[in-house]
């Protein structure tokens, strides 16, 4: 089974898509952590 080597353009697109996905996930995780932090800190003890 021969795996064709993708052209450089495809590799760049793949790396860019992966970077965007990781950035988006990190962005969402940051928002969730901020919301959780403010929610926990606003609860009276």
PDB file of N, CA and C in Angstrom:
ATOM      1  N   UNK A   1       0.875  -1.201   0.000  1.00  0.00           N
ATOM      2  CA  UNK A   1       0.000   0.000   0.000  1.00  0.00           C
ATOM      3  C   UNK A   1       0.899   1.234   0.000  1.00  0.00           C
ATOM      4  N   UNK A   2       0.744   2.046  -1.028  1.00  0.00           N
ATOM      5  CA  UNK A   2       1.564   3.264  -1.126  1.00  0.00           C
ATOM      6  C   UNK A   2       0.756   4.463  -0.650  1.00  0.00           C
ATOM      7  N   UNK A   3       1.304   5.181   0.297  1.00  0.00           N
ATOM      8  CA  UNK A   3       0.629   6.391   0.781  1.00  0.00           C
ATOM      9  C   UNK A   3       1.177   7.570   0.000  1.00  0.00           C
ATOM     10  N   UNK A   4       0.335   8.234  -0.771  1.00  0.00           N
ATOM     11  CA  UNK A   4       0.828   9.392  -1.544  1.00  0.00           C
ATOM     12  C   UNK A   4       1.206  10.537  -0.617  1.00  0.00           C
ATOM     13  N   UNK A   5       2.347  11.157  -0.914  1.00  0.00           N
ATOM     14  CA  UNK A   5       2.786  12.298  -0.100  1.00  0.00           C
ATOM     15  C   UNK A   5       1.966  13.522  -0.507  1.00  0.00           C
ATOM     16  N   UNK A   6       1.293  14.153   0.446  1.00  0.00           N
ATOM     17  CA  UNK A   6       0.464  15.320   0.095  1.00  0.00           C
ATOM     18  C   UNK A   6       1.337  16.472  -0.365  1.00  0.00           C
ATOM     19  N   UNK A   7       0.836  17.287  -1.284  1.00  0.00           N
ATOM     20  CA  UNK A   7       1.602  18.453  -1.736  1.00  0.00           C
ATOM     21  C   UNK A   7       1.787  19.444  -0.589  1.00  0.00           C
ATOM     22  N   UNK A   8       2.795  20.314  -0.694  1.00  0.00           N
ATOM     23  CA  UNK A   8       3.072  21.282   0.394  1.00  0.00           C
ATOM     24  C   UNK A   8       1.850  22.123   0.737  1.00  0.00           C
ATOM     25  N   UNK A   9       1.043  22.462  -0.274  1.00  0.00           N
ATOM     26  CA  UNK A   9      -0.139  23.286   0.006  1.00  0.00           C
ATOM     27  C   UNK A   9      -1.074  22.565   0.969  1.00  0.00           C
ATOM     28  N   UNK A  10      -1.267  21.265   0.742  1.00  0.00           N
ATOM     29  CA  UNK A  10      -2.163  20.495   1.610  1.00  0.00           C
ATOM     30  C   UNK A  10      -1.593  20.449   3.027  1.00  0.00           C
ATOM     31  N   UNK A  11      -0.275  20.275   3.141  1.00  0.00           N
ATOM     32  CA  UNK A  11       0.340  20.232   4.470  1.00  0.00           C
ATOM     33  C   UNK A  11       0.145  21.558   5.193  1.00  0.00           C
ATOM     34  N   UNK A  12       0.347  22.661   4.473  1.00  0.00           N
ATOM     35  CA  UNK A  12       0.163  23.977   5.101  1.00  0.00           C
ATOM     36  C   UNK A  12      -1.277  24.140   5.565  1.00  0.00           C
ATOM     37  N   UNK A  13      -2.225  23.725   4.715  1.00  0.00           N
ATOM     38  CA  UNK A  13      -3.639  23.836   5.088  1.00  0.00           C
ATOM     39  C   UNK A  13      -3.930  22.988   6.316  1.00  0.00           C
ATOM     40  N   UNK A  14      -3.366  21.774   6.353  1.00  0.00           N
ATOM     41  CA  UNK A  14      -3.605  20.882   7.491  1.00  0.00           C
ATOM     42  C   UNK A  14      -3.040  21.488   8.772  1.00  0.00           C
ATOM     43  N   UNK A  15      -1.807  21.989   8.697  1.00  0.00           N
ATOM     44  CA  UNK A  15      -1.184  22.592   9.884  1.00  0.00           C
ATOM     45  C   UNK A  15      -1.981  23.809  10.336  1.00  0.00           C
ATOM     46  N   UNK A  16      -2.434  24.607   9.374  1.00  0.00           N
ATOM     47  CA  UNK A  16      -3.216  25.799   9.711  1.00  0.00           C
ATOM     48  C   UNK A  16      -4.526  25.393  10.373  1.00  0.00           C
ATOM     49  N   UNK A  17      -5.195  24.380   9.834  1.00  0.00           N
ATOM     50  CA  UNK A  17      -6.467  23.926  10.408  1.00  0.00           C
ATOM     51  C   UNK A  17      -6.246  23.393  11.818  1.00  0.00           C
ATOM     52  N   UNK A  18      -5.163  22.626  12.003  1.00  0.00           N
ATOM     53  CA  UNK A  18      -4.877  22.099  13.339  1.00  0.00           C
ATOM     54  C   UNK A  18      -4.612  23.248  14.307  1.00  0.00           C
ATOM     55  N   UNK A  19      -3.852  24.237  13.873  1.00  0.00           N
ATOM     56  CA  UNK A  19      -3.564  25.382  14.735  1.00  0.00           C
ATOM     57  C   UNK A  19      -4.832  26.125  15.114  1.00  0.00           C
ATOM     58  N   UNK A  20      -5.728  26.305  14.142  1.00  0.00           N
ATOM     59  CA  UNK A  20      -6.986  26.998  14.426  1.00  0.00           C
ATOM     60  C   UNK A  20      -7.819  26.192  15.415  1.00  0.00           C
ATOM     61  N   UNK A  21      -7.874  24.868  15.218  1.00  0.00           N
ATOM     62  CA  UNK A  21      -8.655  24.027  16.129  1.00  0.00           C
ATOM     63  C   UNK A  21      -8.101  24.124  17.546  1.00  0.00           C
ATOM     64  N   UNK A  22      -6.780  24.001  17.674  1.00  0.00           N
ATOM     65  CA  UNK A  22      -6.167  24.063  19.006  1.00  0.00           C
ATOM     66  C   UNK A  22      -6.411  25.434  19.636  1.00  0.00           C
ATOM     67  N   UNK A  23      -6.279  26.493  18.830  1.00  0.00           N
ATOM     68  CA  UNK A  23      -6.520  27.838  19.353  1.00  0.00           C
ATOM     69  C   UNK A  23      -7.964  28.009  19.797  1.00  0.00           C
ATOM     70  N   UNK A  24      -8.896  27.483  19.004  1.00  0.00           N
ATOM     71  CA  UNK A  24     -10.315  27.609  19.343  1.00  0.00           C
ATOM     72  C   UNK A  24     -10.626  26.847  20.624  1.00  0.00           C
ATOM     73  N   UNK A  25     -10.081  25.633  20.749  1.00  0.00           N
ATOM     74  CA  UNK A  25     -10.313  24.835  21.959  1.00  0.00           C
ATOM     75  C   UNK A  25      -9.727  25.557  23.175  1.00  0.00           C
ATOM     76  N   UNK A  26      -8.512  26.080  23.034  1.00  0.00           N
ATOM     77  CA  UNK A  26      -7.897  26.803  24.147  1.00  0.00           C
ATOM     78  C   UNK A  26      -8.705  28.029  24.524  1.00  0.00           C
ATOM     79  N   UNK A  27      -9.254  28.716  23.510  1.00  0.00           N
ATOM     80  CA  UNK A  27     -10.081  29.900  23.751  1.00  0.00           C
ATOM     81  C   UNK A  27     -11.330  29.525  24.540  1.00  0.00           C
ATOM     82  N   UNK A  28     -11.996  28.444  24.129  1.00  0.00           N
ATOM     83  CA  UNK A  28     -13.217  28.006  24.822  1.00  0.00           C
ATOM     84  C   UNK A  28     -12.891  27.565  26.242  1.00  0.00           C
ATOM     85  N   UNK A  29     -11.798  26.824  26.415  1.00  0.00           N
ATOM     86  CA  UNK A  29     -11.417  26.368  27.756  1.00  0.00           C
ATOM     87  C   UNK A  29     -11.132  27.571  28.652  1.00  0.00           C
ATOM     88  N   UNK A  30     -10.466  28.581  28.108  1.00  0.00           N
ATOM     89  CA  UNK A  30     -10.179  29.783  28.893  1.00  0.00           C
ATOM     90  C   UNK A  30     -11.458  30.470  29.336  1.00  0.00           C
ATOM     91  N   UNK A  31     -12.432  30.584  28.428  1.00  0.00           N
ATOM     92  CA  UNK A  31     -13.710  31.218  28.777  1.00  0.00           C
ATOM     93  C   UNK A  31     -14.402  30.425  29.883  1.00  0.00           C
ATOM     94  N   UNK A  32     -14.427  29.090  29.737  1.00  0.00           N
ATOM     95  CA  UNK A  32     -15.083  28.249  30.751  1.00  0.00           C
ATOM     96  C   UNK A  32     -14.393  28.421  32.098  1.00  0.00           C
ATOM     97  N   UNK A  33     -13.064  28.439  32.110  1.00  0.00           N
ATOM     98  CA  UNK A  33     -12.337  28.586  33.372  1.00  0.00           C
ATOM     99  C   UNK A  33     -12.624  29.949  33.997  1.00  0.00           C
ATOM    100  N   UNK A  34     -12.683  31.001  33.170  1.00  0.00           N
ATOM    101  CA  UNK A  34     -12.973  32.340  33.694  1.00  0.00           C
ATOM    102  C   UNK A  34     -14.379  32.375  34.288  1.00  0.00           C
ATOM    103  N   UNK A  35     -15.356  31.800  33.570  1.00  0.00           N
ATOM    104  CA  UNK A  35     -16.737  31.786  34.076  1.00  0.00           C
ATOM    105  C   UNK A  35     -16.799  31.000  35.382  1.00  0.00           C
ATOM    106  N   UNK A  36     -16.151  29.828  35.419  1.00  0.00           N
ATOM    107  CA  UNK A  36     -16.160  29.026  36.643  1.00  0.00           C
ATOM    108  C   UNK A  36     -15.486  29.790  37.780  1.00  0.00           C
ATOM    109  N   UNK A  37     -14.378  30.459  37.487  1.00  0.00           N
ATOM    110  CA  UNK A  37     -13.667  31.198  38.524  1.00  0.00           C
ATOM    111  C   UNK A  37     -14.513  32.322  39.098  1.00  0.00           C
ATOM    112  N   UNK A  38     -15.175  33.093  38.232  1.00  0.00           N
ATOM    113  CA  UNK A  38     -16.003  34.194  38.719  1.00  0.00           C
ATOM    114  C   UNK A  38     -17.215  33.647  39.460  1.00  0.00           C
ATOM    115  N   UNK A  39     -17.769  32.525  38.984  1.00  0.00           N
ATOM    116  CA  UNK A  39     -18.946  31.943  39.639  1.00  0.00           C
ATOM    117  C   UNK A  39     -18.583  31.445  41.033  1.00  0.00           C
ATOM    118  N   UNK A  40     -17.441  30.751  41.132  1.00  0.00           N
ATOM    119  CA  UNK A  40     -17.031  30.204  42.427  1.00  0.00           C
ATOM    120  C   UNK A  40     -16.676  31.333  43.390  1.00  0.00           C
ATOM    121  N   UNK A  41     -15.998  32.370  42.888  1.00  0.00           N
ATOM    122  CA  UNK A  41     -15.555  33.448  43.779  1.00  0.00           C
ATOM    123  C   UNK A  41     -16.729  34.335  44.194  1.00  0.00           C
ATOM    124  N   UNK A  42     -17.843  34.317  43.427  1.00  0.00           N
ATOM    125  CA  UNK A  42     -18.982  35.178  43.765  1.00  0.00           C
ATOM    126  C   UNK A  42     -19.931  34.482  44.733  1.00  0.00           C
ATOM    127  N   UNK A  43     -19.727  33.176  44.976  1.00  0.00           N
ATOM    128  CA  UNK A  43     -20.607  32.454  45.904  1.00  0.00           C
ATOM    129  C   UNK A  43     -20.203  32.799  47.333  1.00  0.00           C
ATOM    130  N   UNK A  44     -21.149  33.271  48.137  1.00  0.00           N
ATOM    131  CA  UNK A  44     -20.809  33.605  49.537  1.00  0.00           C
ATOM    132  C   UNK A  44     -20.431  32.351  50.313  1.00  0.00           C
ATOM    133  N   UNK A  45     -19.425  32.500  51.197  1.00  0.00           N
ATOM    134  CA  UNK A  45     -18.978  31.324  51.944  1.00  0.00           C
ATOM    135  C   UNK A  45     -19.709  31.254  53.277  1.00  0.00           C
TER     136      UNK A  45
END
